[in-house]
């Protein structure tokens, strides 16, 4: 953990206006790094939002580490929520699904507002990000995708395996996925763990990840991006693309 003197936070903002007559809405953020990546190292690449069949409001998206040299941890995404009059009435937050972001690496995220009364009030939102510098983890986890498909009930599945090519045990091996539409905007995000969650040196374990709330979004999915990390290691490949 860094000391208090070294915990420097930066913010980058994104505003999305959501027409009330549309159930599933998309919003875009900057798709390239800012002029000074050191001033704004974490950007929101894309995001979208929708209300599920229970009325809960979802914001899903992807962040990127634009720093050319520094890895980042504790990447926090905060949503400020506005009503139709433009008045802020609440906030919610989450952390990036990938725990440590190396330079140029991306991570999906999702924020779910489960308070139905609050969800119904959302007309627009802003996103801000913060982070801390950290050291990169050794890249020894390899993902092999065996199958990806749209299930009959509408769920989008990715099935594969993770191999620990490191010389130490990998604990809590987590696979995260961002699901994109044809415009390369994130429309769903989810994560899972290998079975078992811990992998010894050279060990292989399966996983299956499913895009949740897919009756709303699955027919829009055209590709996905996978990442894997554990408490000790990171992925060999940055953001493996599945089509």
C-alpha atoms as a PDB file:
ATOM      1  CA  UNK A   1       0.000   0.000   0.000  1.00  0.00           C
ATOM      2  CA  UNK A   2       1.372   3.416  -0.899  1.00  0.00           C
ATOM      3  CA  UNK A   3       1.800   6.070   1.803  1.00  0.00           C
ATOM      4  CA  UNK A   4      -0.640   8.947   2.098  1.00  0.00           C
ATOM      5  CA  UNK A   5       1.840  11.293   0.464  1.00  0.00           C
ATOM      6  CA  UNK A   6       2.050   9.202  -2.701  1.00  0.00           C
ATOM      7  CA  UNK A   7      -1.677   8.518  -3.179  1.00  0.00           C
ATOM      8  CA  UNK A   8      -2.393  10.991  -5.985  1.00  0.00           C
ATOM      9  CA  UNK A   9      -5.827  10.764  -7.586  1.00  0.00           C
ATOM     10  CA  UNK A  10      -6.873  12.026 -10.996  1.00  0.00           C
ATOM     11  CA  UNK A  11     -10.353  12.514 -12.424  1.00  0.00           C
ATOM     12  CA  UNK A  12     -11.782  12.250 -15.918  1.00  0.00           C
ATOM     13  CA  UNK A  13     -15.474  12.942 -16.620  1.00  0.00           C
ATOM     14  CA  UNK A  14     -18.026  11.545 -19.072  1.00  0.00           C
ATOM     15  CA  UNK A  15     -21.624  12.703 -19.455  1.00  0.00           C
ATOM     16  CA  UNK A  16     -24.341  10.577 -21.057  1.00  0.00           C
ATOM     17  CA  UNK A  17     -27.889  11.818 -21.711  1.00  0.00           C
ATOM     18  CA  UNK A  18     -30.484   9.068 -21.616  1.00  0.00           C
ATOM     19  CA  UNK A  19     -33.783   9.576 -23.474  1.00  0.00           C
ATOM     20  CA  UNK A  20     -36.557   8.405 -21.166  1.00  0.00           C
ATOM     21  CA  UNK A  21     -38.366   6.600 -23.978  1.00  0.00           C
ATOM     22  CA  UNK A  22     -35.494   4.203 -24.668  1.00  0.00           C
ATOM     23  CA  UNK A  23     -34.927   1.116 -22.522  1.00  0.00           C
ATOM     24  CA  UNK A  24     -31.347   0.488 -23.611  1.00  0.00           C
ATOM     25  CA  UNK A  25     -29.159   3.529 -24.188  1.00  0.00           C
ATOM     26  CA  UNK A  26     -25.544   3.919 -25.219  1.00  0.00           C
ATOM     27  CA  UNK A  27     -23.040   6.584 -24.254  1.00  0.00           C
ATOM     28  CA  UNK A  28     -19.530   7.227 -25.503  1.00  0.00           C
ATOM     29  CA  UNK A  29     -16.430   8.547 -23.812  1.00  0.00           C
ATOM     30  CA  UNK A  30     -13.077   9.478 -25.270  1.00  0.00           C
ATOM     31  CA  UNK A  31     -11.550   6.627 -27.278  1.00  0.00           C
ATOM     32  CA  UNK A  32      -7.982   7.892 -27.213  1.00  0.00           C
ATOM     33  CA  UNK A  33      -5.671   9.029 -24.470  1.00  0.00           C
ATOM     34  CA  UNK A  34      -5.786  12.662 -23.442  1.00  0.00           C
ATOM     35  CA  UNK A  35      -3.052  15.072 -24.467  1.00  0.00           C
ATOM     36  CA  UNK A  36      -1.305  14.403 -21.150  1.00  0.00           C
ATOM     37  CA  UNK A  37      -1.669  10.782 -20.085  1.00  0.00           C
ATOM     38  CA  UNK A  38       0.230  11.532 -16.879  1.00  0.00           C
ATOM     39  CA  UNK A  39      -2.458  14.088 -15.927  1.00  0.00           C
ATOM     40  CA  UNK A  40      -5.394  11.780 -16.754  1.00  0.00           C
ATOM     41  CA  UNK A  41      -4.012   8.222 -16.792  1.00  0.00           C
ATOM     42  CA  UNK A  42      -7.387   6.479 -16.542  1.00  0.00           C
ATOM     43  CA  UNK A  43      -9.997   7.165 -19.222  1.00  0.00           C
ATOM     44  CA  UNK A  44     -13.440   5.715 -19.867  1.00  0.00           C
ATOM     45  CA  UNK A  45     -13.223   4.099 -23.304  1.00  0.00           C
ATOM     46  CA  UNK A  46     -16.955   3.467 -23.723  1.00  0.00           C
ATOM     47  CA  UNK A  47     -20.059   2.857 -21.652  1.00  0.00           C
ATOM     48  CA  UNK A  48     -23.756   2.090 -22.023  1.00  0.00           C
ATOM     49  CA  UNK A  49     -26.713   1.785 -19.692  1.00  0.00           C
ATOM     50  CA  UNK A  50     -30.029  -0.010 -19.385  1.00  0.00           C
ATOM     51  CA  UNK A  51     -32.764  -0.948 -16.963  1.00  0.00           C
ATOM     52  CA  UNK A  52     -33.332  -4.653 -16.466  1.00  0.00           C
ATOM     53  CA  UNK A  53     -36.737  -6.317 -16.133  1.00  0.00           C
ATOM     54  CA  UNK A  54     -36.772  -5.626 -12.376  1.00  0.00           C
ATOM     55  CA  UNK A  55     -36.216  -1.906 -12.974  1.00  0.00           C
ATOM     56  CA  UNK A  56     -32.636  -1.853 -11.680  1.00  0.00           C
ATOM     57  CA  UNK A  57     -30.407   0.590 -13.547  1.00  0.00           C
ATOM     58  CA  UNK A  58     -27.107  -0.699 -14.983  1.00  0.00           C
ATOM     59  CA  UNK A  59     -24.058   1.195 -16.224  1.00  0.00           C
ATOM     60  CA  UNK A  60     -21.457  -0.971 -17.965  1.00  0.00           C
ATOM     61  CA  UNK A  61     -18.252   0.143 -19.602  1.00  0.00           C
ATOM     62  CA  UNK A  62     -14.516  -0.105 -19.962  1.00  0.00           C
ATOM     63  CA  UNK A  63     -11.602   1.921 -18.601  1.00  0.00           C
ATOM     64  CA  UNK A  64      -8.061   2.153 -19.954  1.00  0.00           C
ATOM     65  CA  UNK A  65      -4.718   2.929 -18.360  1.00  0.00           C
ATOM     66  CA  UNK A  66      -3.183   5.556 -20.664  1.00  0.00           C
ATOM     67  CA  UNK A  67       0.082   5.837 -18.755  1.00  0.00           C
ATOM     68  CA  UNK A  68       3.041   4.741 -20.918  1.00  0.00           C
ATOM     69  CA  UNK A  69       5.049   3.440 -17.957  1.00  0.00           C
ATOM     70  CA  UNK A  70       2.990   3.083 -14.765  1.00  0.00           C
ATOM     71  CA  UNK A  71       0.668   0.300 -13.684  1.00  0.00           C
ATOM     72  CA  UNK A  72      -2.447   1.230 -11.701  1.00  0.00           C
ATOM     73  CA  UNK A  73      -4.432  -0.389  -8.885  1.00  0.00           C
ATOM     74  CA  UNK A  74      -7.624   0.509  -6.999  1.00  0.00           C
ATOM     75  CA  UNK A  75      -9.106   1.913 -10.217  1.00  0.00           C
ATOM     76  CA  UNK A  76     -12.377   3.386  -8.989  1.00  0.00           C
ATOM     77  CA  UNK A  77     -15.275   4.456 -11.200  1.00  0.00           C
ATOM     78  CA  UNK A  78     -17.864   6.797  -9.675  1.00  0.00           C
ATOM     79  CA  UNK A  79     -21.230   7.569 -11.272  1.00  0.00           C
ATOM     80  CA  UNK A  80     -23.049  10.778 -10.393  1.00  0.00           C
ATOM     81  CA  UNK A  81     -26.749  10.449 -11.230  1.00  0.00           C
ATOM     82  CA  UNK A  82     -28.996  13.264 -12.502  1.00  0.00           C
ATOM     83  CA  UNK A  83     -32.761  13.557 -12.892  1.00  0.00           C
ATOM     84  CA  UNK A  84     -34.572  15.020 -15.895  1.00  0.00           C
ATOM     85  CA  UNK A  85     -34.155  18.549 -14.507  1.00  0.00           C
ATOM     86  CA  UNK A  86     -30.373  18.124 -14.466  1.00  0.00           C
ATOM     87  CA  UNK A  87     -30.205  17.955 -10.674  1.00  0.00           C
ATOM     88  CA  UNK A  88     -27.759  15.478  -9.096  1.00  0.00           C
ATOM     89  CA  UNK A  89     -29.610  13.172  -6.708  1.00  0.00           C
ATOM     90  CA  UNK A  90     -27.162  10.367  -5.953  1.00  0.00           C
ATOM     91  CA  UNK A  91     -23.911   8.560  -6.613  1.00  0.00           C
ATOM     92  CA  UNK A  92     -22.702   4.982  -6.869  1.00  0.00           C
ATOM     93  CA  UNK A  93     -19.312   3.433  -7.532  1.00  0.00           C
ATOM     94  CA  UNK A  94     -17.394   0.305  -8.375  1.00  0.00           C
ATOM     95  CA  UNK A  95     -13.814  -0.782  -9.053  1.00  0.00           C
ATOM     96  CA  UNK A  96     -12.378  -2.121 -12.294  1.00  0.00           C
ATOM     97  CA  UNK A  97     -12.757  -5.885 -12.711  1.00  0.00           C
ATOM     98  CA  UNK A  98      -9.025  -6.198 -13.497  1.00  0.00           C
ATOM     99  CA  UNK A  99      -7.222  -5.477 -10.230  1.00  0.00           C
ATOM    100  CA  UNK A 100      -3.964  -4.112 -11.691  1.00  0.00           C
ATOM    101  CA  UNK A 101      -3.974  -2.303 -15.032  1.00  0.00           C
ATOM    102  CA  UNK A 102      -0.692  -2.261 -16.910  1.00  0.00           C
ATOM    103  CA  UNK A 103       0.114   0.503 -19.429  1.00  0.00           C
ATOM    104  CA  UNK A 104      -2.433   0.463 -22.314  1.00  0.00           C
ATOM    105  CA  UNK A 105      -4.465  -2.280 -20.593  1.00  0.00           C
ATOM    106  CA  UNK A 106      -8.260  -2.095 -20.324  1.00  0.00           C
ATOM    107  CA  UNK A 107     -10.762  -3.400 -17.822  1.00  0.00           C
ATOM    108  CA  UNK A 108     -14.558  -3.735 -17.831  1.00  0.00           C
ATOM    109  CA  UNK A 109     -16.704  -2.400 -15.009  1.00  0.00           C
ATOM    110  CA  UNK A 110     -20.360  -2.346 -14.053  1.00  0.00           C
ATOM    111  CA  UNK A 111     -22.428  -0.300 -11.636  1.00  0.00           C
ATOM    112  CA  UNK A 112     -25.884  -1.575 -10.656  1.00  0.00           C
ATOM    113  CA  UNK A 113     -28.340   0.750  -8.938  1.00  0.00           C
ATOM    114  CA  UNK A 114     -30.656  -1.686  -7.168  1.00  0.00           C
ATOM    115  CA  UNK A 115     -32.858   0.942  -5.515  1.00  0.00           C
ATOM    116  CA  UNK A 116     -35.769   0.869  -7.978  1.00  0.00           C
ATOM    117  CA  UNK A 117     -37.117   4.293  -6.974  1.00  0.00           C
ATOM    118  CA  UNK A 118     -33.705   5.843  -7.554  1.00  0.00           C
ATOM    119  CA  UNK A 119     -33.259   3.900 -10.803  1.00  0.00           C
ATOM    120  CA  UNK A 120     -36.434   5.344 -12.260  1.00  0.00           C
ATOM    121  CA  UNK A 121     -35.197   8.896 -11.637  1.00  0.00           C
ATOM    122  CA  UNK A 122     -32.001   8.593 -13.723  1.00  0.00           C
ATOM    123  CA  UNK A 123     -31.992  10.774 -16.840  1.00  0.00           C
ATOM    124  CA  UNK A 124     -28.245  11.315 -17.235  1.00  0.00           C
ATOM    125  CA  UNK A 125     -25.014  10.558 -15.422  1.00  0.00           C
ATOM    126  CA  UNK A 126     -21.345  11.474 -15.259  1.00  0.00           C
ATOM    127  CA  UNK A 127     -18.464   9.061 -14.688  1.00  0.00           C
ATOM    128  CA  UNK A 128     -15.233   9.913 -12.918  1.00  0.00           C
ATOM    129  CA  UNK A 129     -12.172   7.753 -12.242  1.00  0.00           C
ATOM    130  CA  UNK A 130      -9.336   7.621  -9.739  1.00  0.00           C
ATOM    131  CA  UNK A 131      -6.414   5.276  -9.132  1.00  0.00           C
ATOM    132  CA  UNK A 132      -3.112   4.605  -7.385  1.00  0.00           C
ATOM    133  CA  UNK A 133       0.235   3.712  -8.916  1.00  0.00           C
ATOM    134  CA  UNK A 134       1.582   0.239  -8.281  1.00  0.00           C
ATOM    135  CA  UNK A 135       4.000  -2.361  -9.608  1.00  0.00           C
ATOM    136  CA  UNK A 136       2.957  -4.652 -12.448  1.00  0.00           C
ATOM    137  CA  UNK A 137       2.356  -8.299 -11.615  1.00  0.00           C
ATOM    138  CA  UNK A 138       4.326 -10.980 -13.505  1.00  0.00           C
ATOM    139  CA  UNK A 139       2.486 -12.038 -16.681  1.00  0.00           C
ATOM    140  CA  UNK A 140       2.138 -15.814 -16.395  1.00  0.00           C
ATOM    141  CA  UNK A 141      -1.584 -16.621 -16.760  1.00  0.00           C
ATOM    142  CA  UNK A 142      -2.690 -17.871 -20.179  1.00  0.00           C
ATOM    143  CA  UNK A 143      -6.312 -18.035 -21.369  1.00  0.00           C
ATOM    144  CA  UNK A 144      -7.480 -20.566 -23.962  1.00  0.00           C
ATOM    145  CA  UNK A 145     -11.039 -20.094 -25.240  1.00  0.00           C
ATOM    146  CA  UNK A 146     -12.736 -23.322 -26.303  1.00  0.00           C
ATOM    147  CA  UNK A 147     -16.165 -22.001 -27.217  1.00  0.00           C
ATOM    148  CA  UNK A 148     -18.293 -18.858 -27.309  1.00  0.00           C
ATOM    149  CA  UNK A 149     -21.955 -18.897 -28.218  1.00  0.00           C
ATOM    150  CA  UNK A 150     -25.402 -17.407 -27.720  1.00  0.00           C
ATOM    151  CA  UNK A 151     -27.590 -19.821 -25.759  1.00  0.00           C
ATOM    152  CA  UNK A 152     -31.173 -20.588 -26.729  1.00  0.00           C
ATOM    153  CA  UNK A 153     -32.482 -18.671 -23.703  1.00  0.00           C
ATOM    154  CA  UNK A 154     -30.482 -15.603 -24.749  1.00  0.00           C
ATOM    155  CA  UNK A 155     -27.425 -15.914 -22.491  1.00  0.00           C
ATOM    156  CA  UNK A 156     -24.022 -15.285 -24.102  1.00  0.00           C
ATOM    157  CA  UNK A 157     -21.441 -17.845 -22.912  1.00  0.00           C
ATOM    158  CA  UNK A 158     -17.651 -18.040 -23.142  1.00  0.00           C
ATOM    159  CA  UNK A 159     -16.048 -21.328 -22.084  1.00  0.00           C
ATOM    160  CA  UNK A 160     -12.324 -21.859 -21.739  1.00  0.00           C
ATOM    161  CA  UNK A 161      -9.334 -22.704 -19.555  1.00  0.00           C
ATOM    162  CA  UNK A 162      -6.613 -20.822 -17.687  1.00  0.00           C
ATOM    163  CA  UNK A 163      -3.067 -22.161 -17.357  1.00  0.00           C
ATOM    164  CA  UNK A 164      -0.753 -20.976 -14.586  1.00  0.00           C
ATOM    165  CA  UNK A 165       2.661 -20.797 -16.250  1.00  0.00           C
ATOM    166  CA  UNK A 166       4.261 -19.237 -13.189  1.00  0.00           C
ATOM    167  CA  UNK A 167       6.423 -20.995 -10.611  1.00  0.00           C
ATOM    168  CA  UNK A 168       4.161 -20.086  -7.677  1.00  0.00           C
ATOM    169  CA  UNK A 169       0.589 -20.792  -6.721  1.00  0.00           C
ATOM    170  CA  UNK A 170      -1.969 -18.408  -8.258  1.00  0.00           C
ATOM    171  CA  UNK A 171      -4.824 -17.642  -5.853  1.00  0.00           C
ATOM    172  CA  UNK A 172      -8.303 -16.339  -6.721  1.00  0.00           C
ATOM    173  CA  UNK A 173      -7.836 -16.615 -10.483  1.00  0.00           C
ATOM    174  CA  UNK A 174     -10.400 -14.208 -11.927  1.00  0.00           C
ATOM    175  CA  UNK A 175     -11.561 -13.897 -15.545  1.00  0.00           C
ATOM    176  CA  UNK A 176     -13.271 -10.663 -16.586  1.00  0.00           C
ATOM    177  CA  UNK A 177     -15.064  -9.994 -19.857  1.00  0.00           C
ATOM    178  CA  UNK A 178     -16.297  -6.934 -21.724  1.00  0.00           C
ATOM    179  CA  UNK A 179     -18.944  -7.617 -24.375  1.00  0.00           C
ATOM    180  CA  UNK A 180     -19.176  -5.227 -27.359  1.00  0.00           C
ATOM    181  CA  UNK A 181     -21.755  -4.315 -29.970  1.00  0.00           C
ATOM    182  CA  UNK A 182     -20.941  -3.659 -33.635  1.00  0.00           C
ATOM    183  CA  UNK A 183     -19.821  -0.102 -32.772  1.00  0.00           C
ATOM    184  CA  UNK A 184     -17.309  -1.503 -30.247  1.00  0.00           C
ATOM    185  CA  UNK A 185     -19.274  -0.066 -27.326  1.00  0.00           C
ATOM    186  CA  UNK A 186     -19.479  -2.165 -24.150  1.00  0.00           C
ATOM    187  CA  UNK A 187     -23.054  -3.439 -23.671  1.00  0.00           C
ATOM    188  CA  UNK A 188     -22.385  -6.032 -20.956  1.00  0.00           C
ATOM    189  CA  UNK A 189     -19.650  -6.923 -18.475  1.00  0.00           C
ATOM    190  CA  UNK A 190     -19.153  -9.789 -16.086  1.00  0.00           C
ATOM    191  CA  UNK A 191     -16.544 -11.819 -14.242  1.00  0.00           C
ATOM    192  CA  UNK A 192     -16.036 -15.305 -12.874  1.00  0.00           C
ATOM    193  CA  UNK A 193     -13.372 -17.483 -11.284  1.00  0.00           C
ATOM    194  CA  UNK A 194     -11.700 -20.676 -12.400  1.00  0.00           C
ATOM    195  CA  UNK A 195     -12.845 -23.943 -10.852  1.00  0.00           C
ATOM    196  CA  UNK A 196     -10.937 -24.367  -8.580  1.00  0.00           C
ATOM    197  CA  UNK A 197     -10.091 -20.720  -7.805  1.00  0.00           C
ATOM    198  CA  UNK A 198      -6.440 -21.478  -6.953  1.00  0.00           C
ATOM    199  CA  UNK A 199      -3.966 -22.919  -9.474  1.00  0.00           C
ATOM    200  CA  UNK A 200      -0.601 -24.458  -8.694  1.00  0.00           C
ATOM    201  CA  UNK A 201       2.398 -24.053 -11.011  1.00  0.00           C
ATOM    202  CA  UNK A 202       1.550 -25.629 -14.369  1.00  0.00           C
ATOM    203  CA  UNK A 203      -2.056 -26.343 -13.372  1.00  0.00           C
ATOM    204  CA  UNK A 204      -4.993 -25.808 -15.744  1.00  0.00           C
ATOM    205  CA  UNK A 205      -8.581 -25.076 -14.694  1.00  0.00           C
ATOM    206  CA  UNK A 206     -11.805 -24.409 -16.638  1.00  0.00           C
ATOM    207  CA  UNK A 207     -14.098 -21.400 -16.500  1.00  0.00           C
ATOM    208  CA  UNK A 208     -17.412 -20.299 -17.967  1.00  0.00           C
ATOM    209  CA  UNK A 209     -18.437 -16.655 -18.095  1.00  0.00           C
ATOM    210  CA  UNK A 210     -21.930 -15.477 -18.993  1.00  0.00           C
ATOM    211  CA  UNK A 211     -23.174 -12.040 -19.990  1.00  0.00           C
ATOM    212  CA  UNK A 212     -25.850 -11.312 -17.381  1.00  0.00           C
ATOM    213  CA  UNK A 213     -29.165  -9.637 -18.113  1.00  0.00           C
ATOM    214  CA  UNK A 214     -28.609 -10.728 -21.693  1.00  0.00           C
ATOM    215  CA  UNK A 215     -32.256 -10.825 -22.809  1.00  0.00           C
ATOM    216  CA  UNK A 216     -31.775  -7.057 -23.141  1.00  0.00           C
ATOM    217  CA  UNK A 217     -28.251  -6.979 -24.558  1.00  0.00           C
ATOM    218  CA  UNK A 218     -27.186 -10.362 -25.982  1.00  0.00           C
ATOM    219  CA  UNK A 219     -28.555  -9.820 -29.486  1.00  0.00           C
ATOM    220  CA  UNK A 220     -26.324  -6.762 -29.695  1.00  0.00           C
ATOM    221  CA  UNK A 221     -23.094  -8.606 -28.782  1.00  0.00           C
ATOM    222  CA  UNK A 222     -20.668  -9.088 -31.685  1.00  0.00           C
ATOM    223  CA  UNK A 223     -17.363  -9.597 -29.817  1.00  0.00           C
ATOM    224  CA  UNK A 224     -15.807  -9.788 -26.371  1.00  0.00           C
ATOM    225  CA  UNK A 225     -12.531  -9.077 -24.615  1.00  0.00           C
ATOM    226  CA  UNK A 226     -11.103 -11.338 -21.893  1.00  0.00           C
ATOM    227  CA  UNK A 227      -8.566 -10.715 -19.177  1.00  0.00           C
ATOM    228  CA  UNK A 228      -7.330 -12.855 -16.296  1.00  0.00           C
ATOM    229  CA  UNK A 229      -5.497 -12.049 -13.101  1.00  0.00           C
ATOM    230  CA  UNK A 230      -4.818 -13.487  -9.674  1.00  0.00           C
ATOM    231  CA  UNK A 231      -3.380 -12.062  -6.471  1.00  0.00           C
ATOM    232  CA  UNK A 232       0.134 -12.911  -7.721  1.00  0.00           C
ATOM    233  CA  UNK A 233      -0.006 -12.814 -11.526  1.00  0.00           C
ATOM    234  CA  UNK A 234      -1.462 -11.021 -14.521  1.00  0.00           C
ATOM    235  CA  UNK A 235      -2.475 -12.161 -17.992  1.00  0.00           C
ATOM    236  CA  UNK A 236       0.108 -12.986 -20.658  1.00  0.00           C
ATOM    237  CA  UNK A 237      -2.120 -11.388 -23.300  1.00  0.00           C
ATOM    238  CA  UNK A 238      -3.591  -7.917 -22.895  1.00  0.00           C
ATOM    239  CA  UNK A 239      -7.354  -7.968 -23.464  1.00  0.00           C
ATOM    240  CA  UNK A 240      -7.731 -11.107 -25.598  1.00  0.00           C
ATOM    241  CA  UNK A 241     -10.418 -10.479 -28.246  1.00  0.00           C
ATOM    242  CA  UNK A 242     -13.101 -13.123 -28.912  1.00  0.00           C
ATOM    243  CA  UNK A 243     -15.266 -12.911 -32.057  1.00  0.00           C
END
